[in-house]
N, C-alpha and C. Protein backbone atom coordinates (compact mmCIF):
# COMPACT_ATOMS: atom_id res chain seq x y z
N MET A 1 0.83 -1.18 0.00
CA MET A 1 0.00 0.00 0.00
C MET A 1 0.88 1.24 0.00
N SER A 2 0.44 2.26 -0.67
CA SER A 2 1.20 3.49 -0.77
C SER A 2 1.15 4.26 0.55
N ALA A 3 1.99 5.32 0.67
CA ALA A 3 2.01 6.14 1.87
C ALA A 3 0.68 6.87 2.05
N THR A 4 0.02 7.17 0.96
CA THR A 4 -1.30 7.79 1.00
C THR A 4 -2.35 6.70 0.87
N THR A 5 -3.36 6.74 1.74
CA THR A 5 -4.48 5.81 1.63
C THR A 5 -5.45 6.38 0.61
N ARG A 6 -5.66 5.63 -0.48
CA ARG A 6 -6.50 6.05 -1.59
C ARG A 6 -7.88 5.42 -1.42
N ILE A 7 -8.91 6.29 -1.40
CA ILE A 7 -10.27 5.85 -1.05
C ILE A 7 -11.24 6.12 -2.19
N LEU A 8 -12.09 5.11 -2.46
CA LEU A 8 -13.18 5.23 -3.41
C LEU A 8 -14.48 5.23 -2.63
N LEU A 9 -15.34 6.25 -2.85
CA LEU A 9 -16.63 6.37 -2.17
C LEU A 9 -17.75 5.88 -3.08
N VAL A 10 -18.60 5.01 -2.57
CA VAL A 10 -19.69 4.46 -3.37
C VAL A 10 -20.99 4.53 -2.57
N ASP A 11 -21.89 5.41 -3.00
CA ASP A 11 -23.22 5.54 -2.39
C ASP A 11 -24.11 6.20 -3.43
N ASP A 12 -25.37 5.79 -3.49
CA ASP A 12 -26.26 6.35 -4.50
C ASP A 12 -26.81 7.73 -4.11
N HIS A 13 -26.53 8.20 -2.91
CA HIS A 13 -26.99 9.52 -2.49
C HIS A 13 -25.84 10.53 -2.52
N PRO A 14 -25.92 11.54 -3.39
CA PRO A 14 -24.84 12.53 -3.49
C PRO A 14 -24.52 13.22 -2.16
N ILE A 15 -25.52 13.48 -1.35
CA ILE A 15 -25.27 14.17 -0.08
C ILE A 15 -24.46 13.30 0.88
N VAL A 16 -24.66 11.99 0.82
CA VAL A 16 -23.88 11.07 1.65
C VAL A 16 -22.43 11.06 1.18
N ARG A 17 -22.23 10.96 -0.13
CA ARG A 17 -20.86 10.99 -0.66
C ARG A 17 -20.17 12.31 -0.30
N GLU A 18 -20.89 13.41 -0.40
CA GLU A 18 -20.30 14.71 -0.07
C GLU A 18 -19.90 14.77 1.41
N GLY A 19 -20.76 14.27 2.27
CA GLY A 19 -20.44 14.26 3.70
C GLY A 19 -19.25 13.38 4.01
N LEU A 20 -19.21 12.19 3.42
CA LEU A 20 -18.07 11.29 3.62
C LEU A 20 -16.78 11.93 3.10
N ARG A 21 -16.84 12.50 1.91
CA ARG A 21 -15.66 13.14 1.32
C ARG A 21 -15.15 14.26 2.21
N THR A 22 -16.06 15.06 2.75
CA THR A 22 -15.67 16.18 3.61
C THR A 22 -14.91 15.68 4.84
N VAL A 23 -15.42 14.63 5.46
CA VAL A 23 -14.76 14.07 6.65
C VAL A 23 -13.40 13.48 6.28
N LEU A 24 -13.36 12.70 5.21
CA LEU A 24 -12.14 11.97 4.86
C LEU A 24 -11.03 12.87 4.34
N GLN A 25 -11.38 13.93 3.63
CA GLN A 25 -10.34 14.81 3.08
C GLN A 25 -9.63 15.63 4.15
N ARG A 26 -10.20 15.66 5.35
CA ARG A 26 -9.54 16.38 6.45
C ARG A 26 -8.34 15.61 6.99
N ARG A 27 -8.28 14.33 6.70
CA ARG A 27 -7.22 13.48 7.24
C ARG A 27 -5.96 13.57 6.40
N ALA A 28 -4.84 13.89 7.03
CA ALA A 28 -3.56 13.88 6.32
C ALA A 28 -3.27 12.45 5.89
N GLY A 29 -2.83 12.28 4.67
CA GLY A 29 -2.46 10.96 4.19
C GLY A 29 -3.61 10.18 3.58
N TRP A 30 -4.80 10.78 3.53
CA TRP A 30 -5.95 10.13 2.90
C TRP A 30 -6.36 10.95 1.69
N GLU A 31 -6.70 10.25 0.61
CA GLU A 31 -7.13 10.93 -0.61
C GLU A 31 -8.36 10.21 -1.17
N VAL A 32 -9.44 10.96 -1.38
CA VAL A 32 -10.61 10.43 -2.07
C VAL A 32 -10.31 10.52 -3.56
N ILE A 33 -10.10 9.37 -4.19
CA ILE A 33 -9.65 9.35 -5.58
C ILE A 33 -10.79 9.15 -6.58
N GLY A 34 -11.98 8.84 -6.07
CA GLY A 34 -13.10 8.65 -6.97
C GLY A 34 -14.40 8.43 -6.22
N GLU A 35 -15.50 8.55 -6.97
CA GLU A 35 -16.83 8.34 -6.42
C GLU A 35 -17.67 7.60 -7.44
N ALA A 36 -18.63 6.84 -6.95
CA ALA A 36 -19.57 6.14 -7.82
C ALA A 36 -20.94 6.16 -7.17
N SER A 37 -21.99 6.15 -8.01
CA SER A 37 -23.35 6.23 -7.49
C SER A 37 -24.15 4.95 -7.68
N ASN A 38 -23.53 3.93 -8.29
CA ASN A 38 -24.20 2.64 -8.42
C ASN A 38 -23.14 1.54 -8.49
N GLY A 39 -23.60 0.30 -8.44
CA GLY A 39 -22.69 -0.83 -8.37
C GLY A 39 -21.82 -1.01 -9.60
N ILE A 40 -22.37 -0.78 -10.77
CA ILE A 40 -21.59 -0.92 -12.01
C ILE A 40 -20.47 0.11 -12.05
N GLU A 41 -20.80 1.36 -11.74
CA GLU A 41 -19.77 2.42 -11.69
C GLU A 41 -18.71 2.08 -10.65
N ALA A 42 -19.13 1.51 -9.53
CA ALA A 42 -18.18 1.17 -8.46
C ALA A 42 -17.13 0.19 -8.96
N LEU A 43 -17.56 -0.85 -9.66
CA LEU A 43 -16.61 -1.83 -10.18
C LEU A 43 -15.70 -1.22 -11.24
N GLU A 44 -16.26 -0.40 -12.11
CA GLU A 44 -15.45 0.25 -13.14
C GLU A 44 -14.39 1.15 -12.51
N GLN A 45 -14.82 1.97 -11.52
CA GLN A 45 -13.88 2.87 -10.84
C GLN A 45 -12.81 2.08 -10.08
N ALA A 46 -13.23 1.01 -9.42
CA ALA A 46 -12.27 0.21 -8.65
C ALA A 46 -11.21 -0.39 -9.56
N GLU A 47 -11.62 -0.92 -10.70
CA GLU A 47 -10.65 -1.52 -11.63
C GLU A 47 -9.71 -0.46 -12.20
N ARG A 48 -10.26 0.69 -12.51
CA ARG A 48 -9.44 1.75 -13.12
C ARG A 48 -8.51 2.42 -12.11
N LEU A 49 -9.03 2.68 -10.90
CA LEU A 49 -8.27 3.48 -9.92
C LEU A 49 -7.47 2.65 -8.92
N GLN A 50 -7.84 1.38 -8.71
CA GLN A 50 -7.16 0.51 -7.75
C GLN A 50 -7.01 1.17 -6.37
N PRO A 51 -8.14 1.52 -5.73
CA PRO A 51 -8.06 2.17 -4.41
C PRO A 51 -7.56 1.21 -3.34
N ASP A 52 -7.06 1.77 -2.26
CA ASP A 52 -6.68 0.96 -1.10
C ASP A 52 -7.93 0.52 -0.34
N VAL A 53 -8.92 1.44 -0.25
CA VAL A 53 -10.15 1.17 0.48
C VAL A 53 -11.33 1.65 -0.36
N MET A 54 -12.37 0.80 -0.44
CA MET A 54 -13.63 1.20 -1.04
C MET A 54 -14.66 1.31 0.08
N VAL A 55 -15.23 2.50 0.25
CA VAL A 55 -16.31 2.72 1.21
C VAL A 55 -17.60 2.53 0.42
N LEU A 56 -18.38 1.52 0.80
CA LEU A 56 -19.45 1.02 -0.04
C LEU A 56 -20.77 0.89 0.73
N ASP A 57 -21.86 1.32 0.08
CA ASP A 57 -23.19 1.13 0.63
C ASP A 57 -23.72 -0.23 0.18
N ILE A 58 -24.68 -0.78 0.88
CA ILE A 58 -25.26 -2.06 0.47
C ILE A 58 -26.41 -1.86 -0.51
N THR A 59 -27.32 -0.96 -0.19
CA THR A 59 -28.51 -0.76 -1.02
C THR A 59 -28.20 0.29 -2.09
N MET A 60 -28.03 -0.20 -3.33
CA MET A 60 -27.71 0.70 -4.45
C MET A 60 -28.36 0.20 -5.73
N PRO A 61 -28.54 1.09 -6.69
CA PRO A 61 -29.11 0.67 -7.98
C PRO A 61 -28.08 -0.06 -8.84
N ARG A 62 -28.58 -0.80 -9.80
CA ARG A 62 -27.84 -1.51 -10.84
C ARG A 62 -27.08 -2.73 -10.36
N LEU A 63 -26.56 -2.70 -9.17
CA LEU A 63 -25.86 -3.85 -8.59
C LEU A 63 -25.68 -3.53 -7.11
N ASN A 64 -26.21 -4.38 -6.24
CA ASN A 64 -26.14 -4.04 -4.81
C ASN A 64 -24.71 -4.21 -4.28
N GLY A 65 -24.49 -3.63 -3.11
CA GLY A 65 -23.15 -3.62 -2.53
C GLY A 65 -22.57 -4.98 -2.25
N LEU A 66 -23.42 -5.95 -1.86
CA LEU A 66 -22.90 -7.30 -1.60
C LEU A 66 -22.34 -7.91 -2.88
N GLU A 67 -23.03 -7.72 -4.00
CA GLU A 67 -22.53 -8.23 -5.28
C GLU A 67 -21.28 -7.48 -5.71
N VAL A 68 -21.27 -6.18 -5.51
CA VAL A 68 -20.07 -5.39 -5.83
C VAL A 68 -18.89 -5.92 -5.03
N CYS A 69 -19.11 -6.19 -3.76
CA CYS A 69 -18.04 -6.69 -2.90
C CYS A 69 -17.49 -8.02 -3.41
N ARG A 70 -18.39 -8.95 -3.72
CA ARG A 70 -17.95 -10.26 -4.23
C ARG A 70 -17.13 -10.12 -5.51
N LEU A 71 -17.60 -9.30 -6.42
CA LEU A 71 -16.90 -9.11 -7.70
C LEU A 71 -15.59 -8.35 -7.52
N ALA A 72 -15.60 -7.35 -6.64
CA ALA A 72 -14.38 -6.57 -6.39
C ALA A 72 -13.29 -7.45 -5.77
N ARG A 73 -13.67 -8.40 -4.94
CA ARG A 73 -12.68 -9.31 -4.35
C ARG A 73 -11.93 -10.05 -5.45
N GLN A 74 -12.60 -10.34 -6.56
CA GLN A 74 -11.97 -11.03 -7.68
C GLN A 74 -11.18 -10.07 -8.57
N LYS A 75 -11.77 -8.91 -8.86
CA LYS A 75 -11.18 -7.98 -9.82
C LYS A 75 -10.10 -7.08 -9.23
N THR A 76 -10.26 -6.70 -7.98
CA THR A 76 -9.28 -5.81 -7.32
C THR A 76 -8.99 -6.35 -5.92
N PRO A 77 -8.32 -7.48 -5.82
CA PRO A 77 -8.13 -8.14 -4.52
C PRO A 77 -7.33 -7.33 -3.50
N ALA A 78 -6.56 -6.35 -3.95
CA ALA A 78 -5.79 -5.54 -3.00
C ALA A 78 -6.65 -4.45 -2.35
N THR A 79 -7.83 -4.20 -2.88
CA THR A 79 -8.72 -3.18 -2.32
C THR A 79 -9.50 -3.77 -1.15
N GLU A 80 -9.40 -3.12 0.00
CA GLU A 80 -10.20 -3.53 1.16
C GLU A 80 -11.55 -2.83 1.09
N ILE A 81 -12.59 -3.52 1.52
CA ILE A 81 -13.95 -2.98 1.41
C ILE A 81 -14.54 -2.75 2.78
N LEU A 82 -15.04 -1.54 2.98
CA LEU A 82 -15.71 -1.12 4.21
C LEU A 82 -17.14 -0.75 3.86
N PHE A 83 -18.09 -1.49 4.40
CA PHE A 83 -19.49 -1.12 4.21
C PHE A 83 -19.87 -0.03 5.20
N VAL A 84 -20.51 1.01 4.70
CA VAL A 84 -21.12 2.05 5.51
C VAL A 84 -22.58 2.06 5.07
N THR A 85 -23.45 1.58 5.94
CA THR A 85 -24.81 1.24 5.54
C THR A 85 -25.84 1.58 6.60
N GLN A 86 -27.08 1.67 6.18
CA GLN A 86 -28.19 1.89 7.12
C GLN A 86 -28.64 0.59 7.77
N HIS A 87 -28.19 -0.55 7.25
CA HIS A 87 -28.63 -1.86 7.74
C HIS A 87 -27.98 -2.21 9.08
N ASP A 88 -28.72 -2.03 10.14
CA ASP A 88 -28.25 -2.31 11.50
C ASP A 88 -28.70 -3.72 11.88
N SER A 89 -28.10 -4.70 11.23
CA SER A 89 -28.55 -6.08 11.37
C SER A 89 -27.35 -7.03 11.46
N PRO A 90 -27.30 -7.85 12.49
CA PRO A 90 -26.21 -8.81 12.59
C PRO A 90 -26.14 -9.74 11.38
N GLN A 91 -27.30 -10.13 10.85
CA GLN A 91 -27.32 -11.01 9.68
C GLN A 91 -26.71 -10.31 8.46
N MET A 92 -27.07 -9.04 8.25
CA MET A 92 -26.52 -8.31 7.10
C MET A 92 -25.01 -8.11 7.27
N MET A 93 -24.57 -7.84 8.50
CA MET A 93 -23.14 -7.70 8.75
C MET A 93 -22.42 -9.00 8.42
N LYS A 94 -22.99 -10.12 8.82
CA LYS A 94 -22.39 -11.41 8.53
C LYS A 94 -22.31 -11.65 7.02
N GLU A 95 -23.39 -11.32 6.30
CA GLU A 95 -23.39 -11.46 4.84
C GLU A 95 -22.31 -10.59 4.20
N ALA A 96 -22.15 -9.37 4.71
CA ALA A 96 -21.13 -8.46 4.17
C ALA A 96 -19.73 -9.02 4.37
N LEU A 97 -19.45 -9.53 5.55
CA LEU A 97 -18.13 -10.09 5.82
C LEU A 97 -17.91 -11.37 5.01
N ASN A 98 -18.96 -12.17 4.86
CA ASN A 98 -18.85 -13.38 4.04
C ASN A 98 -18.63 -13.05 2.56
N ALA A 99 -19.12 -11.89 2.13
CA ALA A 99 -18.91 -11.46 0.75
C ALA A 99 -17.49 -10.97 0.50
N GLY A 100 -16.74 -10.73 1.60
CA GLY A 100 -15.35 -10.33 1.46
C GLY A 100 -15.01 -8.97 2.03
N ALA A 101 -15.96 -8.32 2.69
CA ALA A 101 -15.68 -7.01 3.28
C ALA A 101 -14.76 -7.16 4.49
N LYS A 102 -13.99 -6.12 4.77
CA LYS A 102 -13.14 -6.08 5.95
C LYS A 102 -13.76 -5.25 7.06
N GLY A 103 -14.81 -4.47 6.71
CA GLY A 103 -15.41 -3.63 7.73
C GLY A 103 -16.88 -3.38 7.51
N TYR A 104 -17.55 -3.02 8.61
CA TYR A 104 -18.99 -2.78 8.59
C TYR A 104 -19.31 -1.71 9.62
N VAL A 105 -19.88 -0.59 9.16
CA VAL A 105 -20.25 0.53 10.02
C VAL A 105 -21.68 0.93 9.67
N VAL A 106 -22.50 1.14 10.69
CA VAL A 106 -23.86 1.61 10.47
C VAL A 106 -23.82 3.13 10.33
N LYS A 107 -24.53 3.64 9.32
CA LYS A 107 -24.48 5.08 9.03
C LYS A 107 -24.82 5.95 10.23
N SER A 108 -25.73 5.50 11.07
CA SER A 108 -26.10 6.31 12.23
C SER A 108 -24.92 6.49 13.19
N ASN A 109 -23.90 5.65 13.09
CA ASN A 109 -22.70 5.77 13.93
C ASN A 109 -21.46 6.15 13.14
N ALA A 110 -21.63 6.56 11.90
CA ALA A 110 -20.47 6.87 11.06
C ALA A 110 -19.61 7.98 11.65
N ALA A 111 -20.22 8.98 12.27
CA ALA A 111 -19.43 10.06 12.87
C ALA A 111 -18.48 9.51 13.92
N ARG A 112 -18.92 8.50 14.66
CA ARG A 112 -18.10 7.90 15.71
C ARG A 112 -17.09 6.91 15.16
N ASP A 113 -17.49 6.12 14.14
CA ASP A 113 -16.72 4.94 13.75
C ASP A 113 -15.98 5.01 12.42
N LEU A 114 -16.35 5.91 11.53
CA LEU A 114 -15.82 5.89 10.17
C LEU A 114 -14.29 6.01 10.10
N VAL A 115 -13.74 7.01 10.75
CA VAL A 115 -12.30 7.24 10.66
C VAL A 115 -11.53 6.04 11.20
N ARG A 116 -11.93 5.55 12.35
CA ARG A 116 -11.24 4.38 12.94
C ARG A 116 -11.40 3.16 12.03
N ALA A 117 -12.58 2.99 11.44
CA ALA A 117 -12.81 1.85 10.56
C ALA A 117 -11.87 1.88 9.36
N ILE A 118 -11.69 3.04 8.77
CA ILE A 118 -10.78 3.13 7.62
C ILE A 118 -9.35 2.88 8.05
N GLU A 119 -8.96 3.41 9.20
CA GLU A 119 -7.61 3.12 9.72
C GLU A 119 -7.39 1.62 9.85
N VAL A 120 -8.38 0.94 10.40
CA VAL A 120 -8.25 -0.50 10.65
C VAL A 120 -8.25 -1.31 9.35
N VAL A 121 -9.23 -1.09 8.49
CA VAL A 121 -9.30 -1.90 7.27
C VAL A 121 -8.14 -1.61 6.33
N SER A 122 -7.63 -0.39 6.35
CA SER A 122 -6.47 -0.09 5.49
C SER A 122 -5.22 -0.83 5.95
N GLN A 123 -5.25 -1.35 7.19
CA GLN A 123 -4.17 -2.18 7.73
C GLN A 123 -4.51 -3.67 7.59
N HIS A 124 -5.53 -3.97 6.78
CA HIS A 124 -5.94 -5.35 6.46
C HIS A 124 -6.47 -6.09 7.69
N GLN A 125 -7.08 -5.33 8.60
CA GLN A 125 -7.74 -5.92 9.75
C GLN A 125 -9.24 -5.71 9.61
N THR A 126 -10.01 -6.42 10.42
CA THR A 126 -11.46 -6.35 10.35
C THR A 126 -12.01 -5.42 11.41
N PHE A 127 -12.95 -4.57 11.00
CA PHE A 127 -13.61 -3.62 11.90
C PHE A 127 -15.12 -3.78 11.74
N THR A 128 -15.82 -4.02 12.85
CA THR A 128 -17.28 -4.07 12.78
C THR A 128 -17.86 -3.25 13.90
N ALA A 129 -18.92 -2.51 13.59
CA ALA A 129 -19.61 -1.71 14.60
C ALA A 129 -21.06 -1.58 14.18
N MET A 130 -21.93 -1.85 15.13
CA MET A 130 -23.36 -1.71 14.88
C MET A 130 -23.95 -0.74 15.88
N ALA A 131 -25.05 -0.13 15.52
CA ALA A 131 -25.70 0.82 16.42
C ALA A 131 -26.32 0.10 17.61
N ARG A 132 -26.96 -1.02 17.35
CA ARG A 132 -27.57 -1.77 18.45
C ARG A 132 -26.68 -2.97 18.76
N ALA A 133 -25.96 -2.86 19.81
CA ALA A 133 -25.04 -3.94 20.19
C ALA A 133 -25.80 -5.01 20.95
N GLU A 134 -25.20 -6.16 21.08
CA GLU A 134 -25.81 -7.28 21.80
C GLU A 134 -26.22 -6.86 23.21
N SER A 135 -25.45 -5.98 23.82
CA SER A 135 -25.75 -5.54 25.18
C SER A 135 -26.92 -4.57 25.22
N GLY A 136 -27.33 -4.10 24.05
CA GLY A 136 -28.41 -3.13 23.99
C GLY A 136 -27.91 -1.70 24.06
N SER A 137 -26.63 -1.51 24.32
CA SER A 137 -26.08 -0.16 24.42
C SER A 137 -25.70 0.38 23.05
N PRO A 138 -26.21 1.56 22.69
CA PRO A 138 -25.84 2.13 21.39
C PRO A 138 -24.38 2.59 21.36
N ASP A 139 -23.74 2.64 22.52
CA ASP A 139 -22.35 3.10 22.57
C ASP A 139 -21.36 1.97 22.78
N ALA A 140 -21.78 0.76 22.49
CA ALA A 140 -20.89 -0.39 22.66
C ALA A 140 -19.65 -0.22 21.78
N ALA A 141 -18.54 -0.68 22.26
CA ALA A 141 -17.27 -0.52 21.54
C ALA A 141 -17.27 -1.35 20.26
N PRO A 142 -16.72 -0.80 19.18
CA PRO A 142 -16.58 -1.56 17.95
C PRO A 142 -15.62 -2.73 18.15
N LEU A 143 -15.75 -3.72 17.30
CA LEU A 143 -14.91 -4.90 17.35
C LEU A 143 -13.86 -4.82 16.26
N VAL A 144 -12.61 -4.98 16.63
CA VAL A 144 -11.51 -4.99 15.67
C VAL A 144 -10.86 -6.35 15.74
N ARG A 145 -10.67 -6.95 14.58
CA ARG A 145 -10.02 -8.26 14.50
C ARG A 145 -8.77 -8.17 13.66
N GLY A 146 -7.83 -9.05 13.95
CA GLY A 146 -6.59 -9.11 13.18
C GLY A 146 -6.76 -9.79 11.85
N ASN A 147 -5.66 -10.20 11.26
CA ASN A 147 -5.64 -10.75 9.92
C ASN A 147 -6.28 -12.13 9.80
N ARG A 148 -6.29 -12.91 10.87
CA ARG A 148 -6.81 -14.26 10.72
C ARG A 148 -8.32 -14.26 10.60
N LYS A 149 -8.83 -15.22 9.84
CA LYS A 149 -10.26 -15.32 9.61
C LYS A 149 -10.91 -15.92 10.85
N GLU A 150 -11.97 -15.27 11.34
CA GLU A 150 -12.68 -15.77 12.51
C GLU A 150 -14.13 -15.98 12.16
N GLN A 151 -14.75 -16.93 12.82
CA GLN A 151 -16.17 -17.19 12.62
C GLN A 151 -16.97 -16.17 13.41
N LEU A 152 -18.09 -15.75 12.83
CA LEU A 152 -18.99 -14.85 13.56
C LEU A 152 -20.03 -15.66 14.29
């Protein structure tokens, strides 16, 4: 990976991409190198730009994020994928990780978790955080895992 972390933003809502870009561009050493508004564009941008991290939504037109993730794992295996999604569901998080994602953040907690999640996944580790934790506390600590594959 280069000294600069190169990030591709993928969400079908322009305001979400703008907000993510604003937060991420404040970080020294991070560069938003592209954006996409649907799954097909995401794969095209990923192949062309070869980002270090793809920040990806699940619910998108033309090709959903889970399919994008599966295909990106084949086409751009060096790109780590971080889902930033409205789906606050343990089952959806499991599906995302099984599809090949390294991270999962619920949009309602993105302000708290996004920067740390990108730091972690860019180091090829797993980061997961949900709004409703098993304990019922919305402020439960995110889970960070190392390189080895673990069962959920």
